[in-house]
Amino acid sequence: MLVRKGEENVVFRPVRNGNGDIRVANMFGLEETDGRCHLVAELTFQPGESTGIHDHTTDVEVMYMIEGELVCLEDDGKEYVLKAGDITSTAKGNKHYAINKSDKPAKVLAVVIA
């Protein structure tokens, strides 16, 4: 078993050409998951921060809301409001983005499955 504290590998950066420097606490990647996950990370969006719109041509992304609220726009054009306890999946070939339109930080666990 591999145990890693989320604070070990934290960076602040734009995600997929989005707005702001999102806090990304990288927990696991391809090496730690036998090539199964590109990313397992906790992302913290401050108010107004967003990812850029991006596609998942060869992978699937699952996001679990830990706290706060994010608005996600999927390929079907519909906006979904995610709140703590909600989970979403973006399938291979689909595009999406996420934005924090609230006045409080939002925290999500993102898992990108190869």
C-alpha atoms as a PDB file:
ATOM      1  CA  MET A   1       0.000   0.000   0.000  1.00  0.00           C
ATOM      2  CA  LEU A   2       1.220   3.465  -0.881  1.00  0.00           C
ATOM      3  CA  VAL A   3       0.185   6.303   1.415  1.00  0.00           C
ATOM      4  CA  ARG A   4       0.853   9.883   0.425  1.00  0.00           C
ATOM      5  CA  LYS A   5      -0.208  13.067   2.141  1.00  0.00           C
ATOM      6  CA  GLY A   6      -1.986  15.503  -0.164  1.00  0.00           C
ATOM      7  CA  GLU A   7       0.334  18.348   0.844  1.00  0.00           C
ATOM      8  CA  GLU A   8       3.468  16.677  -0.526  1.00  0.00           C
ATOM      9  CA  ASN A   9       3.183  17.858  -4.130  1.00  0.00           C
ATOM     10  CA  VAL A  10       1.183  21.089  -4.352  1.00  0.00           C
ATOM     11  CA  VAL A  11       1.380  23.510  -7.266  1.00  0.00           C
ATOM     12  CA  PHE A  12      -0.621  26.586  -8.218  1.00  0.00           C
ATOM     13  CA  ARG A  13      -1.211  26.763 -11.971  1.00  0.00           C
ATOM     14  CA  PRO A  14      -3.743  27.414 -14.702  1.00  0.00           C
ATOM     15  CA  VAL A  15      -5.566  24.188 -15.585  1.00  0.00           C
ATOM     16  CA  ARG A  16      -6.115  23.580 -19.307  1.00  0.00           C
ATOM     17  CA  ASN A  17      -5.693  27.303 -20.080  1.00  0.00           C
ATOM     18  CA  GLY A  18      -8.369  28.302 -17.594  1.00  0.00           C
ATOM     19  CA  ASN A  19      -8.665  31.392 -15.410  1.00  0.00           C
ATOM     20  CA  GLY A  20      -6.506  31.757 -12.297  1.00  0.00           C
ATOM     21  CA  ASP A  21      -3.873  29.645 -10.597  1.00  0.00           C
ATOM     22  CA  ILE A  22      -5.801  26.662  -9.248  1.00  0.00           C
ATOM     23  CA  ARG A  23      -4.293  24.821  -6.283  1.00  0.00           C
ATOM     24  CA  VAL A  24      -3.474  21.301  -7.459  1.00  0.00           C
ATOM     25  CA  ALA A  25      -2.410  18.760  -4.824  1.00  0.00           C
ATOM     26  CA  ASN A  26      -1.120  15.851  -6.938  1.00  0.00           C
ATOM     27  CA  MET A  27      -1.498  12.588  -5.078  1.00  0.00           C
ATOM     28  CA  PHE A  28      -0.956   9.829  -7.637  1.00  0.00           C
ATOM     29  CA  GLY A  29      -0.233   9.505 -11.342  1.00  0.00           C
ATOM     30  CA  LEU A  30       0.602   6.810 -13.884  1.00  0.00           C
ATOM     31  CA  GLU A  31       3.582   5.447 -11.962  1.00  0.00           C
ATOM     32  CA  GLU A  32       1.682   4.923  -8.714  1.00  0.00           C
ATOM     33  CA  THR A  33      -1.409   3.429 -10.418  1.00  0.00           C
ATOM     34  CA  ASP A  34       0.253   0.909 -12.769  1.00  0.00           C
ATOM     35  CA  GLY A  35      -0.536   3.152 -15.739  1.00  0.00           C
ATOM     36  CA  ARG A  36      -4.259   3.298 -14.967  1.00  0.00           C
ATOM     37  CA  CYS A  37      -4.653   6.938 -13.876  1.00  0.00           C
ATOM     38  CA  HIS A  38      -3.074  10.020 -15.408  1.00  0.00           C
ATOM     39  CA  LEU A  39      -4.062  12.064 -12.385  1.00  0.00           C
ATOM     40  CA  VAL A  40      -5.443  11.705  -8.886  1.00  0.00           C
ATOM     41  CA  ALA A  41      -5.469  15.179  -7.355  1.00  0.00           C
ATOM     42  CA  GLU A  42      -7.350  17.532  -5.082  1.00  0.00           C
ATOM     43  CA  LEU A  43      -8.105  20.810  -6.878  1.00  0.00           C
ATOM     44  CA  THR A  44      -9.094  23.972  -5.029  1.00  0.00           C
ATOM     45  CA  PHE A  45     -10.821  26.676  -7.077  1.00  0.00           C
ATOM     46  CA  GLN A  46     -10.989  30.171  -5.602  1.00  0.00           C
ATOM     47  CA  PRO A  47     -13.991  32.306  -6.621  1.00  0.00           C
ATOM     48  CA  GLY A  48     -13.810  33.068 -10.353  1.00  0.00           C
ATOM     49  CA  GLU A  49     -11.209  30.412 -11.140  1.00  0.00           C
ATOM     50  CA  SER A  50     -11.918  27.909 -13.905  1.00  0.00           C
ATOM     51  CA  THR A  51     -10.429  25.217 -16.059  1.00  0.00           C
ATOM     52  CA  GLY A  52     -10.345  25.883 -19.757  1.00  0.00           C
ATOM     53  CA  ILE A  53     -12.685  23.890 -21.949  1.00  0.00           C
ATOM     54  CA  HIS A  54     -10.927  20.648 -22.809  1.00  0.00           C
ATOM     55  CA  ASP A  55     -11.654  17.207 -24.198  1.00  0.00           C
ATOM     56  CA  HIS A  56     -10.923  13.747 -22.949  1.00  0.00           C
ATOM     57  CA  THR A  57     -10.056  11.986 -26.191  1.00  0.00           C
ATOM     58  CA  THR A  58      -8.310   8.995 -24.623  1.00  0.00           C
ATOM     59  CA  ASP A  59      -9.341   9.078 -20.974  1.00  0.00           C
ATOM     60  CA  VAL A  60     -12.232   9.522 -18.551  1.00  0.00           C
ATOM     61  CA  GLU A  61     -12.394  12.116 -15.763  1.00  0.00           C
ATOM     62  CA  VAL A  62     -14.315  11.580 -12.545  1.00  0.00           C
ATOM     63  CA  MET A  63     -14.776  14.536 -10.193  1.00  0.00           C
ATOM     64  CA  TYR A  64     -16.058  14.238  -6.623  1.00  0.00           C
ATOM     65  CA  MET A  65     -17.012  17.483  -4.882  1.00  0.00           C
ATOM     66  CA  ILE A  66     -15.495  17.727  -1.426  1.00  0.00           C
ATOM     67  CA  GLU A  67     -16.700  21.215  -0.519  1.00  0.00           C
ATOM     68  CA  GLY A  68     -18.147  24.319  -2.102  1.00  0.00           C
ATOM     69  CA  GLU A  69     -19.799  24.542  -5.498  1.00  0.00           C
ATOM     70  CA  LEU A  70     -18.635  24.298  -9.118  1.00  0.00           C
ATOM     71  CA  VAL A  71     -20.516  24.877 -12.352  1.00  0.00           C
ATOM     72  CA  CYS A  72     -19.617  22.411 -15.116  1.00  0.00           C
ATOM     73  CA  LEU A  73     -20.529  22.701 -18.764  1.00  0.00           C
ATOM     74  CA  GLU A  74     -20.623  19.438 -20.709  1.00  0.00           C
ATOM     75  CA  ASP A  75     -20.831  18.639 -24.426  1.00  0.00           C
ATOM     76  CA  ASP A  76     -24.630  18.709 -24.370  1.00  0.00           C
ATOM     77  CA  GLY A  77     -24.489  22.448 -23.591  1.00  0.00           C
ATOM     78  CA  LYS A  78     -26.140  22.041 -20.215  1.00  0.00           C
ATOM     79  CA  GLU A  79     -24.612  23.552 -17.098  1.00  0.00           C
ATOM     80  CA  TYR A  80     -24.520  21.347 -14.032  1.00  0.00           C
ATOM     81  CA  VAL A  81     -24.068  22.749 -10.526  1.00  0.00           C
ATOM     82  CA  LEU A  82     -21.975  20.396  -8.413  1.00  0.00           C
ATOM     83  CA  LYS A  83     -22.175  20.631  -4.620  1.00  0.00           C
ATOM     84  CA  ALA A  84     -20.385  18.756  -1.836  1.00  0.00           C
ATOM     85  CA  GLY A  85     -21.086  15.030  -2.158  1.00  0.00           C
ATOM     86  CA  ASP A  86     -21.899  15.178  -5.902  1.00  0.00           C
ATOM     87  CA  ILE A  87     -19.902  13.184  -8.438  1.00  0.00           C
ATOM     88  CA  THR A  88     -19.605  13.523 -12.222  1.00  0.00           C
ATOM     89  CA  SER A  89     -17.916  11.642 -15.018  1.00  0.00           C
ATOM     90  CA  THR A  90     -16.726  12.991 -18.375  1.00  0.00           C
ATOM     91  CA  ALA A  91     -16.487  10.141 -20.873  1.00  0.00           C
ATOM     92  CA  LYS A  92     -13.904   9.581 -23.591  1.00  0.00           C
ATOM     93  CA  GLY A  93     -14.454  11.960 -26.485  1.00  0.00           C
ATOM     94  CA  ASN A  94     -16.415  14.525 -24.462  1.00  0.00           C
ATOM     95  CA  LYS A  95     -15.460  18.111 -23.602  1.00  0.00           C
ATOM     96  CA  HIS A  96     -16.114  20.064 -20.431  1.00  0.00           C
ATOM     97  CA  TYR A  97     -14.970  22.851 -18.168  1.00  0.00           C
ATOM     98  CA  ALA A  98     -15.517  23.816 -14.542  1.00  0.00           C
ATOM     99  CA  ILE A  99     -15.823  27.259 -12.963  1.00  0.00           C
ATOM    100  CA  ASN A 100     -16.325  28.496  -9.418  1.00  0.00           C
ATOM    101  CA  LYS A 101     -19.099  31.091  -9.719  1.00  0.00           C
ATOM    102  CA  SER A 102     -19.619  31.272  -5.957  1.00  0.00           C
ATOM    103  CA  ASP A 103     -17.999  33.566  -3.392  1.00  0.00           C
ATOM    104  CA  LYS A 104     -16.312  30.680  -1.505  1.00  0.00           C
ATOM    105  CA  PRO A 105     -13.527  28.221  -2.399  1.00  0.00           C
ATOM    106  CA  ALA A 106     -14.529  24.917  -4.012  1.00  0.00           C
ATOM    107  CA  LYS A 107     -12.591  21.699  -3.568  1.00  0.00           C
ATOM    108  CA  VAL A 108     -12.843  18.629  -5.808  1.00  0.00           C
ATOM    109  CA  LEU A 109     -11.098  15.268  -6.086  1.00  0.00           C
ATOM    110  CA  ALA A 110     -10.263  14.730  -9.769  1.00  0.00           C
ATOM    111  CA  VAL A 111      -9.341  11.291 -11.110  1.00  0.00           C
ATOM    112  CA  VAL A 112      -8.331  10.978 -14.764  1.00  0.00           C
ATOM    113  CA  ILE A 113      -8.503   7.316 -15.756  1.00  0.00           C
ATOM    114  CA  ALA A 114      -6.346   6.112 -18.672  1.00  0.00           C
END
